[in-house]
Amino acid sequence: MTGTGPKPGRFGDLGIRAVSGVVLGALCLFCVMIGGIPAMLLAAVLLVLLFWEYHRIITGNPRFATLPLLVLSAGGVLGIAAAGLGAAALGFVFLMIAALVAGLLSPRHFLELAGGALYIGVAIGGLLVILETETRGVDVLIWIVVIIIASDVGAYFTGRSVGGRKLCPRISPGKTCSGAIGGLACACGLSMVIAAVLGWPILVAAGAGLLVAMASQAGDLAESWLKRRAGVKDSGVLLPGHGGFLDRLDGILGGTWAFLILDALGVAAALY
């Protein structure tokens, strides 16, 4: 008989996930509250790490110093800095040029690298634009992140406690329908609580929070699909209990895109 050891419980990885999540969250919150250069540096570092992991998933190349990655990172940092200084349009132009160059230098993966670069870069740059330009930028940014975290945490606990039918077994076998519903309910409820505290319209906040949470779950599933196609479990190993930064921030990227679209349509302005 071969001994495989005791199986971990439903929440066996909760401790390490919580510690690494709190440390990352505290660092990000510190930079956001200070704003300015610390926030721009944080955004630039996150962009480089996220695209490094994305590049690894798409190409199977684990090296950091690949030419397309360095080109994209340099362009992304310039774009982030420009956005942080208020020239958001110029910043996004830099990101688009960097994405195009990165794709051209890896023609086999052109669409995936260029599209992923824009997806990641616009989301990270958009968070900085929100922080720098909105009248209550810090409040809005924290609301976005808290709603997405609530969706993730709610899905984790509900899914592991209730179980039931799998949401997308071919893409992410661990995700359940009960978890998805629980996560959306947590995000919507917490959004209403935050709105009541900040004086925002509660129903608008509930609807916006629901849409942001749905987009965050879609972003999570999209990353799971990419990893499954590439045959890798995690995007990286830099965050104990979570895998890589892309594993932890995939929902943030999707949720931020949803908010940016709502903001462009003038819906988000009703929040504050």
C-alpha atoms as a PDB file:
ATOM      1  CA  MET A   1       0.000   0.000   0.000  1.00  0.00           C
ATOM      2  CA  THR A   2       1.357   3.404  -0.902  1.00  0.00           C
ATOM      3  CA  GLY A   3       0.903   6.215   1.577  1.00  0.00           C
ATOM      4  CA  THR A   4      -0.266   9.426   0.081  1.00  0.00           C
ATOM      5  CA  GLY A   5      -0.610  11.282   3.372  1.00  0.00           C
ATOM      6  CA  PRO A   6      -3.659  13.057   4.677  1.00  0.00           C
ATOM      7  CA  LYS A   7      -5.666  15.071   2.239  1.00  0.00           C
ATOM      8  CA  PRO A   8      -5.978  18.748   2.984  1.00  0.00           C
ATOM      9  CA  GLY A   9      -9.321  19.949   4.264  1.00  0.00           C
ATOM     10  CA  ARG A  10     -11.689  22.182   2.401  1.00  0.00           C
ATOM     11  CA  PHE A  11      -9.882  25.237   3.723  1.00  0.00           C
ATOM     12  CA  GLY A  12      -6.418  23.695   4.044  1.00  0.00           C
ATOM     13  CA  ASP A  13      -4.752  26.488   2.060  1.00  0.00           C
ATOM     14  CA  LEU A  14      -6.655  29.300   3.738  1.00  0.00           C
ATOM     15  CA  GLY A  15      -3.870  30.360   6.109  1.00  0.00           C
ATOM     16  CA  ILE A  16      -1.150  30.925   3.543  1.00  0.00           C
ATOM     17  CA  ARG A  17      -3.618  32.504   1.126  1.00  0.00           C
ATOM     18  CA  ALA A  18      -4.758  34.934   3.804  1.00  0.00           C
ATOM     19  CA  VAL A  19      -1.240  35.950   4.851  1.00  0.00           C
ATOM     20  CA  SER A  20       0.064  36.573   1.335  1.00  0.00           C
ATOM     21  CA  GLY A  21      -3.181  38.309   0.364  1.00  0.00           C
ATOM     22  CA  VAL A  22      -3.046  40.642   3.375  1.00  0.00           C
ATOM     23  CA  VAL A  23       0.601  41.531   2.732  1.00  0.00           C
ATOM     24  CA  LEU A  24      -0.047  42.326  -0.932  1.00  0.00           C
ATOM     25  CA  GLY A  25      -3.222  44.222  -0.086  1.00  0.00           C
ATOM     26  CA  ALA A  26      -1.504  46.298   2.607  1.00  0.00           C
ATOM     27  CA  LEU A  27       1.321  47.256   0.242  1.00  0.00           C
ATOM     28  CA  CYS A  28      -1.103  48.259  -2.496  1.00  0.00           C
ATOM     29  CA  LEU A  29      -3.296  50.227  -0.081  1.00  0.00           C
ATOM     30  CA  PHE A  30      -0.263  52.083   1.274  1.00  0.00           C
ATOM     31  CA  CYS A  31       0.827  53.154  -2.224  1.00  0.00           C
ATOM     32  CA  VAL A  32      -2.732  54.117  -3.211  1.00  0.00           C
ATOM     33  CA  MET A  33      -3.258  56.270  -0.129  1.00  0.00           C
ATOM     34  CA  ILE A  34       0.016  58.117  -0.729  1.00  0.00           C
ATOM     35  CA  GLY A  35      -0.581  58.394  -4.470  1.00  0.00           C
ATOM     36  CA  GLY A  36       1.828  60.126  -6.828  1.00  0.00           C
ATOM     37  CA  ILE A  37       5.182  58.436  -7.460  1.00  0.00           C
ATOM     38  CA  PRO A  38       4.616  55.415  -5.135  1.00  0.00           C
ATOM     39  CA  ALA A  39       1.340  54.609  -6.897  1.00  0.00           C
ATOM     40  CA  MET A  40       2.955  54.951 -10.319  1.00  0.00           C
ATOM     41  CA  LEU A  41       5.871  52.723  -9.310  1.00  0.00           C
ATOM     42  CA  LEU A  42       3.501  50.103  -7.922  1.00  0.00           C
ATOM     43  CA  ALA A  43       1.480  50.160 -11.149  1.00  0.00           C
ATOM     44  CA  ALA A  44       4.603  49.887 -13.289  1.00  0.00           C
ATOM     45  CA  VAL A  45       5.957  46.933 -11.290  1.00  0.00           C
ATOM     46  CA  LEU A  46       2.592  45.153 -11.408  1.00  0.00           C
ATOM     47  CA  LEU A  47       2.352  45.675 -15.157  1.00  0.00           C
ATOM     48  CA  VAL A  48       5.802  44.151 -15.715  1.00  0.00           C
ATOM     49  CA  LEU A  49       5.092  41.156 -13.441  1.00  0.00           C
ATOM     50  CA  LEU A  50       1.650  40.542 -14.922  1.00  0.00           C
ATOM     51  CA  PHE A  51       2.894  40.584 -18.481  1.00  0.00           C
ATOM     52  CA  TRP A  52       5.904  38.437 -17.565  1.00  0.00           C
ATOM     53  CA  GLU A  53       3.533  35.761 -16.297  1.00  0.00           C
ATOM     54  CA  TYR A  54       1.163  36.220 -19.236  1.00  0.00           C
ATOM     55  CA  HIS A  55       4.071  35.993 -21.678  1.00  0.00           C
ATOM     56  CA  ARG A  56       5.185  32.756 -19.957  1.00  0.00           C
ATOM     57  CA  ILE A  57       1.715  31.211 -20.289  1.00  0.00           C
ATOM     58  CA  ILE A  58       1.311  32.154 -23.963  1.00  0.00           C
ATOM     59  CA  THR A  59       4.815  31.343 -25.238  1.00  0.00           C
ATOM     60  CA  GLY A  60       5.983  28.719 -22.733  1.00  0.00           C
ATOM     61  CA  ASN A  61       9.181  30.741 -22.324  1.00  0.00           C
ATOM     62  CA  PRO A  62      10.006  31.241 -18.609  1.00  0.00           C
ATOM     63  CA  ARG A  63      12.826  33.739 -19.179  1.00  0.00           C
ATOM     64  CA  PHE A  64      12.224  37.290 -18.037  1.00  0.00           C
ATOM     65  CA  ALA A  65      14.641  39.074 -20.385  1.00  0.00           C
ATOM     66  CA  THR A  66      12.938  38.281 -23.679  1.00  0.00           C
ATOM     67  CA  LEU A  67      12.970  41.150 -26.127  1.00  0.00           C
ATOM     68  CA  PRO A  68       9.177  41.447 -26.573  1.00  0.00           C
ATOM     69  CA  LEU A  69       8.703  41.536 -22.808  1.00  0.00           C
ATOM     70  CA  LEU A  70      11.351  44.201 -22.282  1.00  0.00           C
ATOM     71  CA  VAL A  71       9.912  46.342 -25.085  1.00  0.00           C
ATOM     72  CA  LEU A  72       6.419  46.030 -23.671  1.00  0.00           C
ATOM     73  CA  SER A  73       7.588  46.707 -20.122  1.00  0.00           C
ATOM     74  CA  ALA A  74       9.430  49.872 -21.179  1.00  0.00           C
ATOM     75  CA  GLY A  75       6.441  51.112 -23.171  1.00  0.00           C
ATOM     76  CA  GLY A  76       4.061  50.181 -20.399  1.00  0.00           C
ATOM     77  CA  VAL A  77       6.054  52.043 -17.772  1.00  0.00           C
ATOM     78  CA  LEU A  78       6.096  55.127 -19.998  1.00  0.00           C
ATOM     79  CA  GLY A  79       2.369  54.775 -20.518  1.00  0.00           C
ATOM     80  CA  ILE A  80       1.681  54.370 -16.824  1.00  0.00           C
ATOM     81  CA  ALA A  81       3.846  57.383 -15.967  1.00  0.00           C
ATOM     82  CA  ALA A  82       2.123  59.516 -18.593  1.00  0.00           C
ATOM     83  CA  ALA A  83      -1.300  58.456 -17.345  1.00  0.00           C
ATOM     84  CA  GLY A  84      -0.302  59.219 -13.779  1.00  0.00           C
ATOM     85  CA  LEU A  85       0.680  62.722 -14.819  1.00  0.00           C
ATOM     86  CA  GLY A  86      -2.741  63.339 -16.294  1.00  0.00           C
ATOM     87  CA  ALA A  87      -1.983  62.623 -19.960  1.00  0.00           C
ATOM     88  CA  ALA A  88      -4.035  59.459 -20.059  1.00  0.00           C
ATOM     89  CA  ALA A  89      -4.511  59.466 -23.829  1.00  0.00           C
ATOM     90  CA  LEU A  90      -0.765  59.728 -24.403  1.00  0.00           C
ATOM     91  CA  GLY A  91      -0.189  56.932 -21.912  1.00  0.00           C
ATOM     92  CA  PHE A  92      -2.554  54.602 -23.729  1.00  0.00           C
ATOM     93  CA  VAL A  93      -0.884  55.450 -27.058  1.00  0.00           C
ATOM     94  CA  PHE A  94       2.411  54.288 -25.550  1.00  0.00           C
ATOM     95  CA  LEU A  95       0.731  51.072 -24.434  1.00  0.00           C
ATOM     96  CA  MET A  96      -0.740  50.451 -27.887  1.00  0.00           C
ATOM     97  CA  ILE A  97       2.611  51.027 -29.597  1.00  0.00           C
ATOM     98  CA  ALA A  98       4.371  48.756 -27.107  1.00  0.00           C
ATOM     99  CA  ALA A  99       1.741  46.053 -27.609  1.00  0.00           C
ATOM    100  CA  LEU A 100       2.091  46.279 -31.390  1.00  0.00           C
ATOM    101  CA  VAL A 101       5.890  46.045 -31.238  1.00  0.00           C
ATOM    102  CA  ALA A 102       5.765  43.124 -28.805  1.00  0.00           C
ATOM    103  CA  GLY A 103       3.397  41.268 -31.101  1.00  0.00           C
ATOM    104  CA  LEU A 104       5.495  41.954 -34.204  1.00  0.00           C
ATOM    105  CA  LEU A 105       8.597  40.624 -32.466  1.00  0.00           C
ATOM    106  CA  SER A 106       6.741  37.380 -31.732  1.00  0.00           C
ATOM    107  CA  PRO A 107       4.618  36.932 -34.874  1.00  0.00           C
ATOM    108  CA  ARG A 108       3.595  33.402 -33.907  1.00  0.00           C
ATOM    109  CA  HIS A 109       1.753  34.817 -30.897  1.00  0.00           C
ATOM    110  CA  PHE A 110       0.992  38.274 -32.299  1.00  0.00           C
ATOM    111  CA  LEU A 111      -2.710  38.533 -31.465  1.00  0.00           C
ATOM    112  CA  GLU A 112      -2.372  36.966 -28.031  1.00  0.00           C
ATOM    113  CA  LEU A 113       0.577  39.088 -26.939  1.00  0.00           C
ATOM    114  CA  ALA A 114      -0.714  42.347 -28.395  1.00  0.00           C
ATOM    115  CA  GLY A 115      -4.237  41.770 -27.106  1.00  0.00           C
ATOM    116  CA  GLY A 116      -3.038  40.688 -23.672  1.00  0.00           C
ATOM    117  CA  ALA A 117      -0.728  43.665 -23.444  1.00  0.00           C
ATOM    118  CA  LEU A 118      -3.590  46.052 -24.118  1.00  0.00           C
ATOM    119  CA  TYR A 119      -5.933  44.198 -21.770  1.00  0.00           C
ATOM    120  CA  ILE A 120      -3.450  44.323 -18.893  1.00  0.00           C
ATOM    121  CA  GLY A 121      -2.037  47.762 -19.675  1.00  0.00           C
ATOM    122  CA  VAL A 122      -5.361  49.570 -20.071  1.00  0.00           C
ATOM    123  CA  ALA A 123      -6.661  48.062 -16.818  1.00  0.00           C
ATOM    124  CA  ILE A 124      -3.579  49.027 -14.797  1.00  0.00           C
ATOM    125  CA  GLY A 125      -3.385  52.441 -16.431  1.00  0.00           C
ATOM    126  CA  GLY A 126      -7.117  52.900 -15.922  1.00  0.00           C
ATOM    127  CA  LEU A 127      -6.764  52.341 -12.188  1.00  0.00           C
ATOM    128  CA  LEU A 128      -4.154  55.098 -12.055  1.00  0.00           C
ATOM    129  CA  VAL A 129      -6.343  57.427 -14.095  1.00  0.00           C
ATOM    130  CA  ILE A 130      -9.220  56.809 -11.671  1.00  0.00           C
ATOM    131  CA  LEU A 131      -6.944  57.545  -8.736  1.00  0.00           C
ATOM    132  CA  GLU A 132      -5.528  60.737 -10.261  1.00  0.00           C
ATOM    133  CA  THR A 133      -8.523  62.274 -12.029  1.00  0.00           C
ATOM    134  CA  GLU A 134     -11.755  61.321 -10.259  1.00  0.00           C
ATOM    135  CA  THR A 135     -13.035  63.714  -7.605  1.00  0.00           C
ATOM    136  CA  ARG A 136     -13.132  60.850  -5.115  1.00  0.00           C
ATOM    137  CA  GLY A 137     -10.509  58.706  -6.792  1.00  0.00           C
ATOM    138  CA  VAL A 138      -9.286  56.907  -3.679  1.00  0.00           C
ATOM    139  CA  ASP A 139     -12.839  56.006  -2.615  1.00  0.00           C
ATOM    140  CA  VAL A 140     -13.731  54.740  -6.088  1.00  0.00           C
ATOM    141  CA  LEU A 141     -10.527  52.739  -6.452  1.00  0.00           C
ATOM    142  CA  ILE A 142     -10.913  51.110  -3.033  1.00  0.00           C
ATOM    143  CA  TRP A 143     -14.577  50.347  -3.831  1.00  0.00           C
ATOM    144  CA  ILE A 144     -13.578  48.555  -7.055  1.00  0.00           C
ATOM    145  CA  VAL A 145     -10.924  46.450  -5.336  1.00  0.00           C
ATOM    146  CA  VAL A 146     -13.058  45.645  -2.279  1.00  0.00           C
ATOM    147  CA  ILE A 147     -16.005  44.547  -4.451  1.00  0.00           C
ATOM    148  CA  ILE A 148     -13.777  42.232  -6.469  1.00  0.00           C
ATOM    149  CA  ILE A 149     -12.149  40.789  -3.347  1.00  0.00           C
ATOM    150  CA  ALA A 150     -15.614  40.236  -1.840  1.00  0.00           C
ATOM    151  CA  SER A 151     -16.643  38.341  -4.968  1.00  0.00           C
ATOM    152  CA  ASP A 152     -13.521  36.188  -4.807  1.00  0.00           C
ATOM    153  CA  VAL A 153     -13.742  35.483  -1.068  1.00  0.00           C
ATOM    154  CA  GLY A 154     -17.489  34.885  -1.206  1.00  0.00           C
ATOM    155  CA  ALA A 155     -17.058  32.427  -4.065  1.00  0.00           C
ATOM    156  CA  TYR A 156     -14.237  30.637  -2.235  1.00  0.00           C
ATOM    157  CA  PHE A 157     -16.144  30.049   0.998  1.00  0.00           C
ATOM    158  CA  THR A 158     -19.535  29.378  -0.587  1.00  0.00           C
ATOM    159  CA  GLY A 159     -18.133  27.013  -3.178  1.00  0.00           C
ATOM    160  CA  ARG A 160     -16.121  25.004  -0.673  1.00  0.00           C
ATOM    161  CA  SER A 161     -18.919  24.913   1.879  1.00  0.00           C
ATOM    162  CA  VAL A 162     -21.901  24.224  -0.397  1.00  0.00           C
ATOM    163  CA  GLY A 163     -20.266  22.571  -3.416  1.00  0.00           C
ATOM    164  CA  GLY A 164     -22.689  21.336  -6.045  1.00  0.00           C
ATOM    165  CA  ARG A 165     -22.721  21.700  -9.802  1.00  0.00           C
ATOM    166  CA  LYS A 166     -19.497  22.800 -11.473  1.00  0.00           C
ATOM    167  CA  LEU A 167     -19.568  26.176 -13.200  1.00  0.00           C
ATOM    168  CA  CYS A 168     -17.189  25.420 -16.091  1.00  0.00           C
ATOM    169  CA  PRO A 169     -15.605  22.015 -15.429  1.00  0.00           C
ATOM    170  CA  ARG A 170     -13.602  21.981 -18.660  1.00  0.00           C
ATOM    171  CA  ILE A 171     -12.008  25.323 -17.847  1.00  0.00           C
ATOM    172  CA  SER A 172     -11.789  25.416 -14.057  1.00  0.00           C
ATOM    173  CA  PRO A 173     -12.885  22.195 -12.307  1.00  0.00           C
ATOM    174  CA  GLY A 174     -12.759  23.780  -8.850  1.00  0.00           C
ATOM    175  CA  LYS A 175     -15.327  26.505  -9.502  1.00  0.00           C
ATOM    176  CA  THR A 176     -18.992  25.837  -8.705  1.00  0.00           C
ATOM    177  CA  CYS A 177     -22.265  27.543  -9.545  1.00  0.00           C
ATOM    178  CA  SER A 178     -22.947  27.999  -5.838  1.00  0.00           C
ATOM    179  CA  GLY A 179     -19.577  29.725  -5.448  1.00  0.00           C
ATOM    180  CA  ALA A 180     -20.253  32.081  -8.331  1.00  0.00           C
ATOM    181  CA  ILE A 181     -23.662  33.022  -6.938  1.00  0.00           C
ATOM    182  CA  GLY A 182     -22.290  33.414  -3.421  1.00  0.00           C
ATOM    183  CA  GLY A 183     -19.515  35.647  -4.685  1.00  0.00           C
ATOM    184  CA  LEU A 184     -21.904  37.884  -6.612  1.00  0.00           C
ATOM    185  CA  ALA A 185     -24.204  38.147  -3.592  1.00  0.00           C
ATOM    186  CA  CYS A 186     -21.311  39.152  -1.327  1.00  0.00           C
ATOM    187  CA  ALA A 187     -20.081  41.754  -3.812  1.00  0.00           C
ATOM    188  CA  CYS A 188     -23.534  43.241  -4.314  1.00  0.00           C
ATOM    189  CA  GLY A 189     -24.294  43.341  -0.590  1.00  0.00           C
ATOM    190  CA  LEU A 190     -20.965  44.892   0.338  1.00  0.00           C
ATOM    191  CA  SER A 191     -21.315  47.449  -2.437  1.00  0.00           C
ATOM    192  CA  MET A 192     -24.621  48.552  -0.921  1.00  0.00           C
ATOM    193  CA  VAL A 193     -23.025  48.843   2.529  1.00  0.00           C
ATOM    194  CA  ILE A 194     -20.151  50.952   1.180  1.00  0.00           C
ATOM    195  CA  ALA A 195     -22.614  53.137  -0.728  1.00  0.00           C
ATOM    196  CA  ALA A 196     -24.609  53.754   2.447  1.00  0.00           C
ATOM    197  CA  VAL A 197     -21.440  54.780   4.299  1.00  0.00           C
ATOM    198  CA  LEU A 198     -20.158  57.072   1.527  1.00  0.00           C
ATOM    199  CA  GLY A 199     -23.541  58.536   0.621  1.00  0.00           C
ATOM    200  CA  TRP A 200     -23.723  57.026  -2.855  1.00  0.00           C
ATOM    201  CA  PRO A 201     -27.030  55.928  -4.460  1.00  0.00           C
ATOM    202  CA  ILE A 202     -27.493  52.431  -3.046  1.00  0.00           C
ATOM    203  CA  LEU A 203     -29.338  50.879  -5.997  1.00  0.00           C
ATOM    204  CA  VAL A 204     -26.834  52.249  -8.507  1.00  0.00           C
ATOM    205  CA  ALA A 205     -23.989  50.923  -6.375  1.00  0.00           C
ATOM    206  CA  ALA A 206     -25.665  47.522  -6.146  1.00  0.00           C
ATOM    207  CA  GLY A 207     -26.057  47.274  -9.929  1.00  0.00           C
ATOM    208  CA  ALA A 208     -22.557  48.554 -10.651  1.00  0.00           C
ATOM    209  CA  GLY A 209     -21.073  46.258  -8.021  1.00  0.00           C
ATOM    210  CA  LEU A 210     -22.864  43.286  -9.537  1.00  0.00           C
ATOM    211  CA  LEU A 211     -21.555  44.058 -13.026  1.00  0.00           C
ATOM    212  CA  VAL A 212     -18.002  44.615 -11.775  1.00  0.00           C
ATOM    213  CA  ALA A 213     -18.135  41.333  -9.835  1.00  0.00           C
ATOM    214  CA  MET A 214     -19.461  39.441 -12.864  1.00  0.00           C
ATOM    215  CA  ALA A 215     -16.644  40.841 -15.002  1.00  0.00           C
ATOM    216  CA  SER A 216     -14.097  39.887 -12.353  1.00  0.00           C
ATOM    217  CA  GLN A 217     -15.351  36.289 -12.391  1.00  0.00           C
ATOM    218  CA  ALA A 218     -15.194  36.315 -16.195  1.00  0.00           C
ATOM    219  CA  GLY A 219     -11.591  37.529 -16.009  1.00  0.00           C
ATOM    220  CA  ASP A 220     -10.788  34.733 -13.586  1.00  0.00           C
ATOM    221  CA  LEU A 221     -12.291  32.138 -15.934  1.00  0.00           C
ATOM    222  CA  ALA A 222     -10.440  33.592 -18.928  1.00  0.00           C
ATOM    223  CA  GLU A 223      -7.111  33.201 -17.148  1.00  0.00           C
ATOM    224  CA  SER A 224      -8.036  29.656 -16.087  1.00  0.00           C
ATOM    225  CA  TRP A 225      -8.762  28.829 -19.743  1.00  0.00           C
ATOM    226  CA  LEU A 226      -5.372  30.168 -20.830  1.00  0.00           C
ATOM    227  CA  LYS A 227      -3.571  28.139 -18.160  1.00  0.00           C
ATOM    228  CA  ARG A 228      -5.494  24.974 -18.996  1.00  0.00           C
ATOM    229  CA  ARG A 229      -4.700  25.379 -22.684  1.00  0.00           C
ATOM    230  CA  ALA A 230      -1.019  25.886 -21.852  1.00  0.00           C
ATOM    231  CA  GLY A 231      -0.981  22.956 -19.423  1.00  0.00           C
ATOM    232  CA  VAL A 232       0.160  24.967 -16.380  1.00  0.00           C
ATOM    233  CA  LYS A 233      -1.428  25.065 -12.934  1.00  0.00           C
ATOM    234  CA  ASP A 234      -0.420  28.575 -11.872  1.00  0.00           C
ATOM    235  CA  SER A 235       0.792  31.669 -13.684  1.00  0.00           C
ATOM    236  CA  GLY A 236       3.785  31.881 -11.332  1.00  0.00           C
ATOM    237  CA  VAL A 237       5.099  31.114  -7.854  1.00  0.00           C
ATOM    238  CA  LEU A 238       5.631  34.581  -6.394  1.00  0.00           C
ATOM    239  CA  LEU A 239       2.516  34.625  -4.181  1.00  0.00           C
ATOM    240  CA  PRO A 240       2.319  31.681  -1.738  1.00  0.00           C
ATOM    241  CA  GLY A 241      -1.136  30.095  -1.702  1.00  0.00           C
ATOM    242  CA  HIS A 242      -2.212  32.004  -4.814  1.00  0.00           C
ATOM    243  CA  GLY A 243       0.390  31.107  -7.441  1.00  0.00           C
ATOM    244  CA  GLY A 244       1.407  34.162  -9.419  1.00  0.00           C
ATOM    245  CA  PHE A 245       0.324  37.782  -9.594  1.00  0.00           C
ATOM    246  CA  LEU A 246      -1.899  37.057 -12.585  1.00  0.00           C
ATOM    247  CA  ASP A 247      -3.661  34.350 -10.562  1.00  0.00           C
ATOM    248  CA  ARG A 248      -4.401  36.910  -7.867  1.00  0.00           C
ATOM    249  CA  LEU A 249      -5.177  39.930 -10.046  1.00  0.00           C
ATOM    250  CA  ASP A 250      -7.041  38.357 -12.977  1.00  0.00           C
ATOM    251  CA  GLY A 251     -10.342  39.360 -11.403  1.00  0.00           C
ATOM    252  CA  ILE A 252      -9.076  42.891 -10.735  1.00  0.00           C
ATOM    253  CA  LEU A 253      -8.269  43.269 -14.430  1.00  0.00           C
ATOM    254  CA  GLY A 254     -11.704  42.081 -15.557  1.00  0.00           C
ATOM    255  CA  GLY A 255     -13.565  44.130 -12.968  1.00  0.00           C
ATOM    256  CA  THR A 256     -11.588  47.262 -13.798  1.00  0.00           C
ATOM    257  CA  TRP A 257     -12.483  46.910 -17.470  1.00  0.00           C
ATOM    258  CA  ALA A 258     -16.152  46.722 -16.499  1.00  0.00           C
ATOM    259  CA  PHE A 259     -15.887  49.883 -14.418  1.00  0.00           C
ATOM    260  CA  LEU A 260     -14.011  51.746 -17.160  1.00  0.00           C
ATOM    261  CA  ILE A 261     -16.785  50.866 -19.625  1.00  0.00           C
ATOM    262  CA  LEU A 262     -19.445  52.008 -17.134  1.00  0.00           C
ATOM    263  CA  ASP A 263     -17.473  55.210 -16.599  1.00  0.00           C
ATOM    264  CA  ALA A 264     -17.190  55.816 -20.362  1.00  0.00           C
ATOM    265  CA  LEU A 265     -20.970  55.358 -20.668  1.00  0.00           C
ATOM    266  CA  GLY A 266     -21.546  57.878 -17.870  1.00  0.00           C
ATOM    267  CA  VAL A 267     -23.122  55.301 -15.548  1.00  0.00           C
ATOM    268  CA  ALA A 268     -20.330  55.231 -12.990  1.00  0.00           C
ATOM    269  CA  ALA A 269     -20.572  58.995 -12.474  1.00  0.00           C
ATOM    270  CA  ALA A 270     -23.923  58.407 -10.753  1.00  0.00           C
ATOM    271  CA  LEU A 271     -22.105  56.655  -7.936  1.00  0.00           C
ATOM    272  CA  TYR A 272     -20.428  59.744  -6.592  1.00  0.00           C
END
